[in-house]
């Protein structure tokens, strides 16, 4: 299988190397394509920086990455990377997308905002089996624990077709001997962090962010994670869901059933002002990267 590894923390993150090493050890072909800078909180955004209509690639590799893996950075959000990869934009169509390992947990309904999860969801909506992985620390110390969990998850995912869903993994930053195991979990009401309005004024709003206590939600990802379990949760890409609701028909103008032109509008936003140019604008990835 050809595996694409990406993230939202940027091409310099060692979390990319952990995912790539796991995929290489399983016998897969690996290409790492990650943003040139951090895109945390980008969800499945299609934001990018272009030059002359081309995506901009950057010659860079994650630290310690095995030479068997190709790698390069790109001035684009992780959602866009997952989106265009499914069309063969990087010289291949991935069989599997691994996104992460994110610095900090991606639990609860806050997964909606995660760039790590967004890349996986963007890939899954285009038929690519996908997994998002996060470690519950802003300064991870126990990558060996993360690697052990990823190995289990990768083995399971390659053996099971989960359709347009994403396997979301959260791992405590704890030594292997302290890891209690891996458990299936539901989504917590919130994630690990909650935003609040601290102050409102004329022309501004100031926010503050606080950690969320595990609370009394047994069986949820945040609750289990805080008690030493790694968790896996299956997430669904956006689908129509009117279960239990009956939406009314509203008739207005009488018109023919002829098809009308429907515009998609702007589907890709270009960052403004331009980011510093640390790479070259190309139609294809850097040769040999």
C-alpha atoms as a PDB file:
ATOM      1  CA  UNK A   1       0.000   0.000   0.000  1.00  0.00           C
ATOM      2  CA  UNK A   2       1.091   3.586  -0.624  1.00  0.00           C
ATOM      3  CA  UNK A   3       0.696   5.618   2.560  1.00  0.00           C
ATOM      4  CA  UNK A   4       0.497   9.415   2.752  1.00  0.00           C
ATOM      5  CA  UNK A   5       1.590  10.887   6.093  1.00  0.00           C
ATOM      6  CA  UNK A   6       0.557  14.451   6.955  1.00  0.00           C
ATOM      7  CA  UNK A   7      -0.260  16.615   9.987  1.00  0.00           C
ATOM      8  CA  UNK A   8      -1.230  20.106  11.130  1.00  0.00           C
ATOM      9  CA  UNK A   9       1.884  20.814  13.246  1.00  0.00           C
ATOM     10  CA  UNK A  10       4.178  21.207  10.250  1.00  0.00           C
ATOM     11  CA  UNK A  11       6.892  19.330   8.382  1.00  0.00           C
ATOM     12  CA  UNK A  12       9.373  19.676  11.282  1.00  0.00           C
ATOM     13  CA  UNK A  13       7.292  17.578  13.702  1.00  0.00           C
ATOM     14  CA  UNK A  14       8.768  14.258  14.935  1.00  0.00           C
ATOM     15  CA  UNK A  15       5.213  12.911  15.089  1.00  0.00           C
ATOM     16  CA  UNK A  16       5.367  12.506  11.324  1.00  0.00           C
ATOM     17  CA  UNK A  17       8.428  10.292  11.699  1.00  0.00           C
ATOM     18  CA  UNK A  18       6.653   7.997  14.175  1.00  0.00           C
ATOM     19  CA  UNK A  19       3.767   7.440  11.745  1.00  0.00           C
ATOM     20  CA  UNK A  20       6.112   6.971   8.793  1.00  0.00           C
ATOM     21  CA  UNK A  21       8.279   4.460  10.690  1.00  0.00           C
ATOM     22  CA  UNK A  22       5.220   2.421  11.638  1.00  0.00           C
ATOM     23  CA  UNK A  23       4.024   2.305   8.021  1.00  0.00           C
ATOM     24  CA  UNK A  24       7.491   1.422   6.718  1.00  0.00           C
ATOM     25  CA  UNK A  25       7.824  -1.376   9.286  1.00  0.00           C
ATOM     26  CA  UNK A  26       4.504  -2.765   8.042  1.00  0.00           C
ATOM     27  CA  UNK A  27       5.938  -2.953   4.527  1.00  0.00           C
ATOM     28  CA  UNK A  28       4.195   0.046   2.990  1.00  0.00           C
ATOM     29  CA  UNK A  29       5.541   2.718   0.648  1.00  0.00           C
ATOM     30  CA  UNK A  30       5.553   6.068   2.455  1.00  0.00           C
ATOM     31  CA  UNK A  31       5.416   9.691   1.322  1.00  0.00           C
ATOM     32  CA  UNK A  32       5.286  12.527   3.837  1.00  0.00           C
ATOM     33  CA  UNK A  33       3.557  15.730   2.707  1.00  0.00           C
ATOM     34  CA  UNK A  34       2.968  18.233   5.516  1.00  0.00           C
ATOM     35  CA  UNK A  35       2.364  21.968   5.883  1.00  0.00           C
ATOM     36  CA  UNK A  36       5.455  24.173   5.955  1.00  0.00           C
ATOM     37  CA  UNK A  37       4.181  25.762   9.196  1.00  0.00           C
ATOM     38  CA  UNK A  38       1.614  25.020  11.878  1.00  0.00           C
ATOM     39  CA  UNK A  39      -2.059  24.859  10.898  1.00  0.00           C
ATOM     40  CA  UNK A  40      -3.563  23.820  14.241  1.00  0.00           C
ATOM     41  CA  UNK A  41      -7.292  24.494  14.394  1.00  0.00           C
ATOM     42  CA  UNK A  42      -7.619  24.622  10.609  1.00  0.00           C
ATOM     43  CA  UNK A  43     -10.228  21.845  10.504  1.00  0.00           C
ATOM     44  CA  UNK A  44     -10.663  20.729   6.848  1.00  0.00           C
ATOM     45  CA  UNK A  45      -9.803  24.169   5.452  1.00  0.00           C
ATOM     46  CA  UNK A  46      -8.622  24.427   1.845  1.00  0.00           C
ATOM     47  CA  UNK A  47      -6.328  27.359   2.606  1.00  0.00           C
ATOM     48  CA  UNK A  48      -3.068  27.566   0.641  1.00  0.00           C
ATOM     49  CA  UNK A  49      -0.389  29.918  -0.602  1.00  0.00           C
ATOM     50  CA  UNK A  50       0.021  29.878  -4.376  1.00  0.00           C
ATOM     51  CA  UNK A  51       2.374  31.431  -6.888  1.00  0.00           C
ATOM     52  CA  UNK A  52       1.101  31.836 -10.434  1.00  0.00           C
ATOM     53  CA  UNK A  53      -1.737  29.435  -9.638  1.00  0.00           C
ATOM     54  CA  UNK A  54       0.629  26.715  -8.407  1.00  0.00           C
ATOM     55  CA  UNK A  55       0.884  25.252  -4.938  1.00  0.00           C
ATOM     56  CA  UNK A  56       4.272  26.024  -3.391  1.00  0.00           C
ATOM     57  CA  UNK A  57       6.464  23.103  -2.326  1.00  0.00           C
ATOM     58  CA  UNK A  58       9.315  23.299   0.190  1.00  0.00           C
ATOM     59  CA  UNK A  59      12.329  20.988   0.351  1.00  0.00           C
ATOM     60  CA  UNK A  60      12.151  19.752   3.953  1.00  0.00           C
ATOM     61  CA  UNK A  61      11.992  16.514   5.939  1.00  0.00           C
ATOM     62  CA  UNK A  62      10.829  15.602   9.446  1.00  0.00           C
ATOM     63  CA  UNK A  63      13.664  14.932  11.918  1.00  0.00           C
ATOM     64  CA  UNK A  64      15.078  11.410  11.783  1.00  0.00           C
ATOM     65  CA  UNK A  65      12.885  10.291   8.895  1.00  0.00           C
ATOM     66  CA  UNK A  66      14.001   7.042   7.249  1.00  0.00           C
ATOM     67  CA  UNK A  67      15.594   7.665   3.847  1.00  0.00           C
ATOM     68  CA  UNK A  68      13.197   5.189   2.271  1.00  0.00           C
ATOM     69  CA  UNK A  69      10.391   7.725   2.691  1.00  0.00           C
ATOM     70  CA  UNK A  70       9.942  10.676   0.341  1.00  0.00           C
ATOM     71  CA  UNK A  71       9.106  13.942   2.078  1.00  0.00           C
ATOM     72  CA  UNK A  72       8.468  17.593   1.348  1.00  0.00           C
ATOM     73  CA  UNK A  73       6.600  20.513   2.800  1.00  0.00           C
ATOM     74  CA  UNK A  74       3.810  22.429   1.141  1.00  0.00           C
ATOM     75  CA  UNK A  75       2.353  25.862   1.837  1.00  0.00           C
ATOM     76  CA  UNK A  76      -1.152  24.572   2.386  1.00  0.00           C
ATOM     77  CA  UNK A  77      -3.522  23.504   5.130  1.00  0.00           C
ATOM     78  CA  UNK A  78      -3.672  19.785   5.978  1.00  0.00           C
ATOM     79  CA  UNK A  79      -7.263  19.541   4.733  1.00  0.00           C
ATOM     80  CA  UNK A  80      -6.145  20.673   1.300  1.00  0.00           C
ATOM     81  CA  UNK A  81      -3.285  18.164   1.356  1.00  0.00           C
ATOM     82  CA  UNK A  82      -5.732  15.326   2.025  1.00  0.00           C
ATOM     83  CA  UNK A  83      -8.157  16.752  -0.533  1.00  0.00           C
ATOM     84  CA  UNK A  84      -5.743  16.988  -3.471  1.00  0.00           C
ATOM     85  CA  UNK A  85      -3.791  13.833  -2.587  1.00  0.00           C
ATOM     86  CA  UNK A  86      -6.858  11.759  -3.410  1.00  0.00           C
ATOM     87  CA  UNK A  87      -6.631  13.093  -6.974  1.00  0.00           C
ATOM     88  CA  UNK A  88      -2.992  12.085  -7.376  1.00  0.00           C
ATOM     89  CA  UNK A  89      -1.558  15.587  -6.903  1.00  0.00           C
ATOM     90  CA  UNK A  90       1.683  14.263  -5.413  1.00  0.00           C
ATOM     91  CA  UNK A  91       2.417  11.668  -8.064  1.00  0.00           C
ATOM     92  CA  UNK A  92       0.337   8.856  -6.560  1.00  0.00           C
ATOM     93  CA  UNK A  93      -3.093   8.156  -5.130  1.00  0.00           C
ATOM     94  CA  UNK A  94      -2.735   7.022  -1.502  1.00  0.00           C
ATOM     95  CA  UNK A  95      -4.306   3.815  -0.295  1.00  0.00           C
ATOM     96  CA  UNK A  96      -4.100   5.101   3.250  1.00  0.00           C
ATOM     97  CA  UNK A  97      -3.682   8.503   4.936  1.00  0.00           C
ATOM     98  CA  UNK A  98      -2.115   8.809   8.398  1.00  0.00           C
ATOM     99  CA  UNK A  99      -2.482  12.259   9.956  1.00  0.00           C
ATOM    100  CA  UNK A 100      -0.491  13.347  13.043  1.00  0.00           C
ATOM    101  CA  UNK A 101       0.877  12.675  15.500  1.00  0.00           C
ATOM    102  CA  UNK A 102      -0.732  15.852  16.808  1.00  0.00           C
ATOM    103  CA  UNK A 103       0.704  17.715  19.791  1.00  0.00           C
ATOM    104  CA  UNK A 104      -2.219  17.655  22.224  1.00  0.00           C
ATOM    105  CA  UNK A 105      -5.356  15.543  22.400  1.00  0.00           C
ATOM    106  CA  UNK A 106      -8.135  15.722  19.825  1.00  0.00           C
ATOM    107  CA  UNK A 107     -11.092  14.498  21.834  1.00  0.00           C
ATOM    108  CA  UNK A 108     -14.794  15.196  22.084  1.00  0.00           C
ATOM    109  CA  UNK A 109     -16.779  17.376  19.752  1.00  0.00           C
ATOM    110  CA  UNK A 110     -13.780  19.691  19.485  1.00  0.00           C
ATOM    111  CA  UNK A 111     -12.437  17.281  16.856  1.00  0.00           C
ATOM    112  CA  UNK A 112     -14.543  19.400  14.484  1.00  0.00           C
ATOM    113  CA  UNK A 113     -11.840  22.095  14.644  1.00  0.00           C
ATOM    114  CA  UNK A 114      -8.751  19.893  14.384  1.00  0.00           C
ATOM    115  CA  UNK A 115      -6.522  20.215  11.334  1.00  0.00           C
ATOM    116  CA  UNK A 116      -5.171  16.734  12.068  1.00  0.00           C
ATOM    117  CA  UNK A 117      -8.668  15.238  11.961  1.00  0.00           C
ATOM    118  CA  UNK A 118      -9.614  17.558   9.079  1.00  0.00           C
ATOM    119  CA  UNK A 119      -6.923  16.095   6.822  1.00  0.00           C
ATOM    120  CA  UNK A 120      -8.177  12.582   7.538  1.00  0.00           C
ATOM    121  CA  UNK A 121     -11.815  13.537   6.954  1.00  0.00           C
ATOM    122  CA  UNK A 122     -10.968  15.288   3.676  1.00  0.00           C
ATOM    123  CA  UNK A 123      -9.242  12.112   2.488  1.00  0.00           C
ATOM    124  CA  UNK A 124     -12.015   9.818   3.680  1.00  0.00           C
ATOM    125  CA  UNK A 125     -14.684  11.782   1.799  1.00  0.00           C
ATOM    126  CA  UNK A 126     -12.763  10.933  -1.375  1.00  0.00           C
ATOM    127  CA  UNK A 127     -12.577   7.234  -0.676  1.00  0.00           C
ATOM    128  CA  UNK A 128      -9.171   7.004   1.014  1.00  0.00           C
ATOM    129  CA  UNK A 129      -8.929   4.991   4.228  1.00  0.00           C
ATOM    130  CA  UNK A 130      -7.744   7.422   6.916  1.00  0.00           C
ATOM    131  CA  UNK A 131      -6.553   7.681  10.501  1.00  0.00           C
ATOM    132  CA  UNK A 132      -5.857  10.697  12.740  1.00  0.00           C
ATOM    133  CA  UNK A 133      -3.499  10.333  15.707  1.00  0.00           C
ATOM    134  CA  UNK A 134      -2.874  12.671  18.668  1.00  0.00           C
ATOM    135  CA  UNK A 135      -0.776  12.500  21.835  1.00  0.00           C
ATOM    136  CA  UNK A 136      -2.054  14.231  24.963  1.00  0.00           C
ATOM    137  CA  UNK A 137       0.858  16.607  25.516  1.00  0.00           C
ATOM    138  CA  UNK A 138       2.137  19.880  24.123  1.00  0.00           C
ATOM    139  CA  UNK A 139       5.668  18.560  24.695  1.00  0.00           C
ATOM    140  CA  UNK A 140       5.550  14.778  24.177  1.00  0.00           C
ATOM    141  CA  UNK A 141       8.169  12.664  25.937  1.00  0.00           C
ATOM    142  CA  UNK A 142       7.041   9.112  25.228  1.00  0.00           C
ATOM    143  CA  UNK A 143       7.013   8.596  21.488  1.00  0.00           C
ATOM    144  CA  UNK A 144       7.660   4.874  22.017  1.00  0.00           C
ATOM    145  CA  UNK A 145       4.215   4.596  23.608  1.00  0.00           C
ATOM    146  CA  UNK A 146       2.654   6.399  20.676  1.00  0.00           C
ATOM    147  CA  UNK A 147       4.444   4.084  18.251  1.00  0.00           C
ATOM    148  CA  UNK A 148       3.116   0.972  19.995  1.00  0.00           C
ATOM    149  CA  UNK A 149      -0.476   2.241  19.804  1.00  0.00           C
ATOM    150  CA  UNK A 150      -0.062   3.320  16.174  1.00  0.00           C
ATOM    151  CA  UNK A 151       1.243  -0.143  15.253  1.00  0.00           C
ATOM    152  CA  UNK A 152      -1.914  -1.746  16.679  1.00  0.00           C
ATOM    153  CA  UNK A 153      -4.191   0.795  14.997  1.00  0.00           C
ATOM    154  CA  UNK A 154      -2.458   0.535  11.620  1.00  0.00           C
ATOM    155  CA  UNK A 155      -2.701  -3.253  11.640  1.00  0.00           C
ATOM    156  CA  UNK A 156      -6.433  -3.053  12.391  1.00  0.00           C
ATOM    157  CA  UNK A 157      -7.143  -0.320   9.862  1.00  0.00           C
ATOM    158  CA  UNK A 158      -5.383  -2.050   6.969  1.00  0.00           C
ATOM    159  CA  UNK A 159      -7.471  -5.155   7.645  1.00  0.00           C
ATOM    160  CA  UNK A 160     -10.839  -3.368   7.813  1.00  0.00           C
ATOM    161  CA  UNK A 161     -12.684  -1.238   5.281  1.00  0.00           C
ATOM    162  CA  UNK A 162     -14.300   1.579   7.277  1.00  0.00           C
ATOM    163  CA  UNK A 163     -15.760   3.363   4.258  1.00  0.00           C
ATOM    164  CA  UNK A 164     -16.023   7.140   4.530  1.00  0.00           C
ATOM    165  CA  UNK A 165     -15.214   7.098   8.238  1.00  0.00           C
ATOM    166  CA  UNK A 166     -12.019   8.050  10.076  1.00  0.00           C
ATOM    167  CA  UNK A 167     -10.272   6.226  12.910  1.00  0.00           C
ATOM    168  CA  UNK A 168      -9.397   8.871  15.528  1.00  0.00           C
ATOM    169  CA  UNK A 169      -6.662   7.837  17.978  1.00  0.00           C
ATOM    170  CA  UNK A 170      -5.704   9.587  21.239  1.00  0.00           C
ATOM    171  CA  UNK A 171      -2.684   8.470  23.259  1.00  0.00           C
ATOM    172  CA  UNK A 172      -1.616   9.479  26.775  1.00  0.00           C
ATOM    173  CA  UNK A 173       1.959  10.756  27.049  1.00  0.00           C
ATOM    174  CA  UNK A 174       2.992   8.089  29.503  1.00  0.00           C
ATOM    175  CA  UNK A 175       5.706   5.402  29.647  1.00  0.00           C
ATOM    176  CA  UNK A 176       4.799   2.084  28.042  1.00  0.00           C
ATOM    177  CA  UNK A 177       4.706   0.350  31.419  1.00  0.00           C
ATOM    178  CA  UNK A 178       2.007   2.799  32.555  1.00  0.00           C
ATOM    179  CA  UNK A 179      -0.220   2.528  29.474  1.00  0.00           C
ATOM    180  CA  UNK A 180      -3.377   0.692  30.506  1.00  0.00           C
ATOM    181  CA  UNK A 181      -4.281  -0.376  26.987  1.00  0.00           C
ATOM    182  CA  UNK A 182      -6.500   0.787  24.123  1.00  0.00           C
ATOM    183  CA  UNK A 183     -10.250   1.223  24.427  1.00  0.00           C
ATOM    184  CA  UNK A 184     -13.078   2.107  22.043  1.00  0.00           C
ATOM    185  CA  UNK A 185     -14.583   5.415  23.155  1.00  0.00           C
ATOM    186  CA  UNK A 186     -17.450   7.746  22.398  1.00  0.00           C
ATOM    187  CA  UNK A 187     -16.934  11.470  21.934  1.00  0.00           C
ATOM    188  CA  UNK A 188     -16.912  13.640  25.046  1.00  0.00           C
ATOM    189  CA  UNK A 189     -19.193  16.672  25.167  1.00  0.00           C
ATOM    190  CA  UNK A 190     -16.168  18.916  24.823  1.00  0.00           C
ATOM    191  CA  UNK A 191     -12.520  18.453  23.959  1.00  0.00           C
ATOM    192  CA  UNK A 192      -9.471  18.904  26.167  1.00  0.00           C
ATOM    193  CA  UNK A 193      -9.712  22.691  25.865  1.00  0.00           C
ATOM    194  CA  UNK A 194     -12.704  25.034  25.999  1.00  0.00           C
ATOM    195  CA  UNK A 195     -12.837  28.663  24.814  1.00  0.00           C
ATOM    196  CA  UNK A 196     -14.580  31.435  26.756  1.00  0.00           C
ATOM    197  CA  UNK A 197     -15.176  35.126  26.133  1.00  0.00           C
ATOM    198  CA  UNK A 198     -12.949  36.987  28.615  1.00  0.00           C
ATOM    199  CA  UNK A 199     -13.760  40.531  27.592  1.00  0.00           C
ATOM    200  CA  UNK A 200     -15.876  42.326  25.015  1.00  0.00           C
ATOM    201  CA  UNK A 201     -15.248  45.874  23.885  1.00  0.00           C
ATOM    202  CA  UNK A 202     -15.772  48.256  21.010  1.00  0.00           C
ATOM    203  CA  UNK A 203     -14.365  46.476  17.986  1.00  0.00           C
ATOM    204  CA  UNK A 204     -12.820  43.522  19.818  1.00  0.00           C
ATOM    205  CA  UNK A 205     -13.488  40.288  21.694  1.00  0.00           C
ATOM    206  CA  UNK A 206     -10.823  38.717  23.909  1.00  0.00           C
ATOM    207  CA  UNK A 207     -10.928  34.946  24.394  1.00  0.00           C
ATOM    208  CA  UNK A 208      -9.415  32.753  27.062  1.00  0.00           C
ATOM    209  CA  UNK A 209      -8.785  29.018  26.895  1.00  0.00           C
ATOM    210  CA  UNK A 210      -9.049  26.606  29.809  1.00  0.00           C
ATOM    211  CA  UNK A 211      -8.478  22.887  30.245  1.00  0.00           C
ATOM    212  CA  UNK A 212     -11.592  20.765  30.588  1.00  0.00           C
ATOM    213  CA  UNK A 213     -11.802  18.336  33.491  1.00  0.00           C
ATOM    214  CA  UNK A 214     -12.717  14.745  32.561  1.00  0.00           C
ATOM    215  CA  UNK A 215     -16.047  15.057  34.390  1.00  0.00           C
ATOM    216  CA  UNK A 216     -18.617  12.325  34.739  1.00  0.00           C
ATOM    217  CA  UNK A 217     -18.718  10.985  31.193  1.00  0.00           C
ATOM    218  CA  UNK A 218     -17.466   7.408  31.571  1.00  0.00           C
ATOM    219  CA  UNK A 219     -16.677   5.710  28.289  1.00  0.00           C
ATOM    220  CA  UNK A 220     -15.829   8.932  26.462  1.00  0.00           C
ATOM    221  CA  UNK A 221     -12.470   9.582  24.842  1.00  0.00           C
ATOM    222  CA  UNK A 222     -11.464  12.437  27.152  1.00  0.00           C
ATOM    223  CA  UNK A 223     -12.470  10.521  30.281  1.00  0.00           C
ATOM    224  CA  UNK A 224     -10.586   7.342  29.354  1.00  0.00           C
ATOM    225  CA  UNK A 225      -7.543   9.221  28.073  1.00  0.00           C
ATOM    226  CA  UNK A 226      -7.178  11.066  31.376  1.00  0.00           C
ATOM    227  CA  UNK A 227      -7.118   7.712  33.161  1.00  0.00           C
ATOM    228  CA  UNK A 228      -4.248   6.219  31.206  1.00  0.00           C
ATOM    229  CA  UNK A 229      -6.012   4.526  28.292  1.00  0.00           C
ATOM    230  CA  UNK A 230      -5.312   5.143  24.622  1.00  0.00           C
ATOM    231  CA  UNK A 231      -8.624   5.539  22.803  1.00  0.00           C
ATOM    232  CA  UNK A 232      -9.933   4.948  19.338  1.00  0.00           C
ATOM    233  CA  UNK A 233     -13.135   6.408  18.005  1.00  0.00           C
ATOM    234  CA  UNK A 234     -14.678   6.097  14.557  1.00  0.00           C
ATOM    235  CA  UNK A 235     -15.759   9.459  13.142  1.00  0.00           C
ATOM    236  CA  UNK A 236     -18.055  10.021  10.188  1.00  0.00           C
ATOM    237  CA  UNK A 237     -17.415  12.466   7.389  1.00  0.00           C
ATOM    238  CA  UNK A 238     -20.301  14.942   6.858  1.00  0.00           C
ATOM    239  CA  UNK A 239     -23.510  13.209   5.764  1.00  0.00           C
ATOM    240  CA  UNK A 240     -27.123  14.311   5.430  1.00  0.00           C
ATOM    241  CA  UNK A 241     -29.005  13.337   8.586  1.00  0.00           C
ATOM    242  CA  UNK A 242     -32.672  14.209   9.034  1.00  0.00           C
ATOM    243  CA  UNK A 243     -33.500  11.229  11.238  1.00  0.00           C
ATOM    244  CA  UNK A 244     -36.493  12.000  13.453  1.00  0.00           C
ATOM    245  CA  UNK A 245     -37.300  15.218  11.601  1.00  0.00           C
ATOM    246  CA  UNK A 246     -39.882  15.959   8.938  1.00  0.00           C
ATOM    247  CA  UNK A 247     -38.923  18.948   6.831  1.00  0.00           C
ATOM    248  CA  UNK A 248     -41.838  20.673   5.077  1.00  0.00           C
ATOM    249  CA  UNK A 249     -42.194  21.258   1.337  1.00  0.00           C
ATOM    250  CA  UNK A 250     -42.459  24.971   0.562  1.00  0.00           C
ATOM    251  CA  UNK A 251     -43.814  25.828  -2.902  1.00  0.00           C
ATOM    252  CA  UNK A 252     -43.076  29.210  -4.449  1.00  0.00           C
ATOM    253  CA  UNK A 253     -42.675  30.205  -8.110  1.00  0.00           C
ATOM    254  CA  UNK A 254     -43.960  27.912 -10.828  1.00  0.00           C
ATOM    255  CA  UNK A 255     -41.084  27.130 -13.137  1.00  0.00           C
ATOM    256  CA  UNK A 256     -39.841  24.472 -15.517  1.00  0.00           C
ATOM    257  CA  UNK A 257     -37.639  21.673 -14.287  1.00  0.00           C
ATOM    258  CA  UNK A 258     -34.735  22.777 -16.474  1.00  0.00           C
ATOM    259  CA  UNK A 259     -31.310  22.605 -14.854  1.00  0.00           C
ATOM    260  CA  UNK A 260     -29.822  25.846 -13.543  1.00  0.00           C
ATOM    261  CA  UNK A 261     -26.160  26.732 -13.402  1.00  0.00           C
ATOM    262  CA  UNK A 262     -24.784  26.176  -9.881  1.00  0.00           C
ATOM    263  CA  UNK A 263     -21.470  27.778  -8.917  1.00  0.00           C
ATOM    264  CA  UNK A 264     -19.213  26.255  -6.285  1.00  0.00           C
ATOM    265  CA  UNK A 265     -17.874  29.704  -5.464  1.00  0.00           C
ATOM    266  CA  UNK A 266     -14.327  30.018  -4.163  1.00  0.00           C
ATOM    267  CA  UNK A 267     -13.197  26.566  -3.095  1.00  0.00           C
ATOM    268  CA  UNK A 268      -9.573  27.387  -2.327  1.00  0.00           C
ATOM    269  CA  UNK A 269      -8.468  30.460  -0.397  1.00  0.00           C
ATOM    270  CA  UNK A 270      -5.022  31.946  -0.929  1.00  0.00           C
ATOM    271  CA  UNK A 271      -3.275  33.267   2.142  1.00  0.00           C
ATOM    272  CA  UNK A 272      -2.836  37.019   2.260  1.00  0.00           C
ATOM    273  CA  UNK A 273      -0.318  38.507   2.826  1.00  0.00           C
ATOM    274  CA  UNK A 274       2.003  35.981   1.146  1.00  0.00           C
ATOM    275  CA  UNK A 275       4.089  33.746   3.372  1.00  0.00           C
ATOM    276  CA  UNK A 276       7.896  34.000   3.220  1.00  0.00           C
ATOM    277  CA  UNK A 277       9.221  32.194   0.166  1.00  0.00           C
ATOM    278  CA  UNK A 278      11.317  29.298   1.453  1.00  0.00           C
ATOM    279  CA  UNK A 279      10.648  27.020  -1.483  1.00  0.00           C
ATOM    280  CA  UNK A 280       9.790  27.067  -5.145  1.00  0.00           C
ATOM    281  CA  UNK A 281       6.478  27.066  -6.951  1.00  0.00           C
ATOM    282  CA  UNK A 282       5.994  23.856  -8.875  1.00  0.00           C
ATOM    283  CA  UNK A 283       3.297  21.844 -10.535  1.00  0.00           C
ATOM    284  CA  UNK A 284       4.822  18.674  -9.070  1.00  0.00           C
ATOM    285  CA  UNK A 285       6.737  17.801  -5.882  1.00  0.00           C
ATOM    286  CA  UNK A 286      10.503  18.422  -5.753  1.00  0.00           C
ATOM    287  CA  UNK A 287      12.395  15.673  -7.552  1.00  0.00           C
ATOM    288  CA  UNK A 288      13.951  13.203  -5.165  1.00  0.00           C
ATOM    289  CA  UNK A 289      12.383  14.836  -2.125  1.00  0.00           C
END
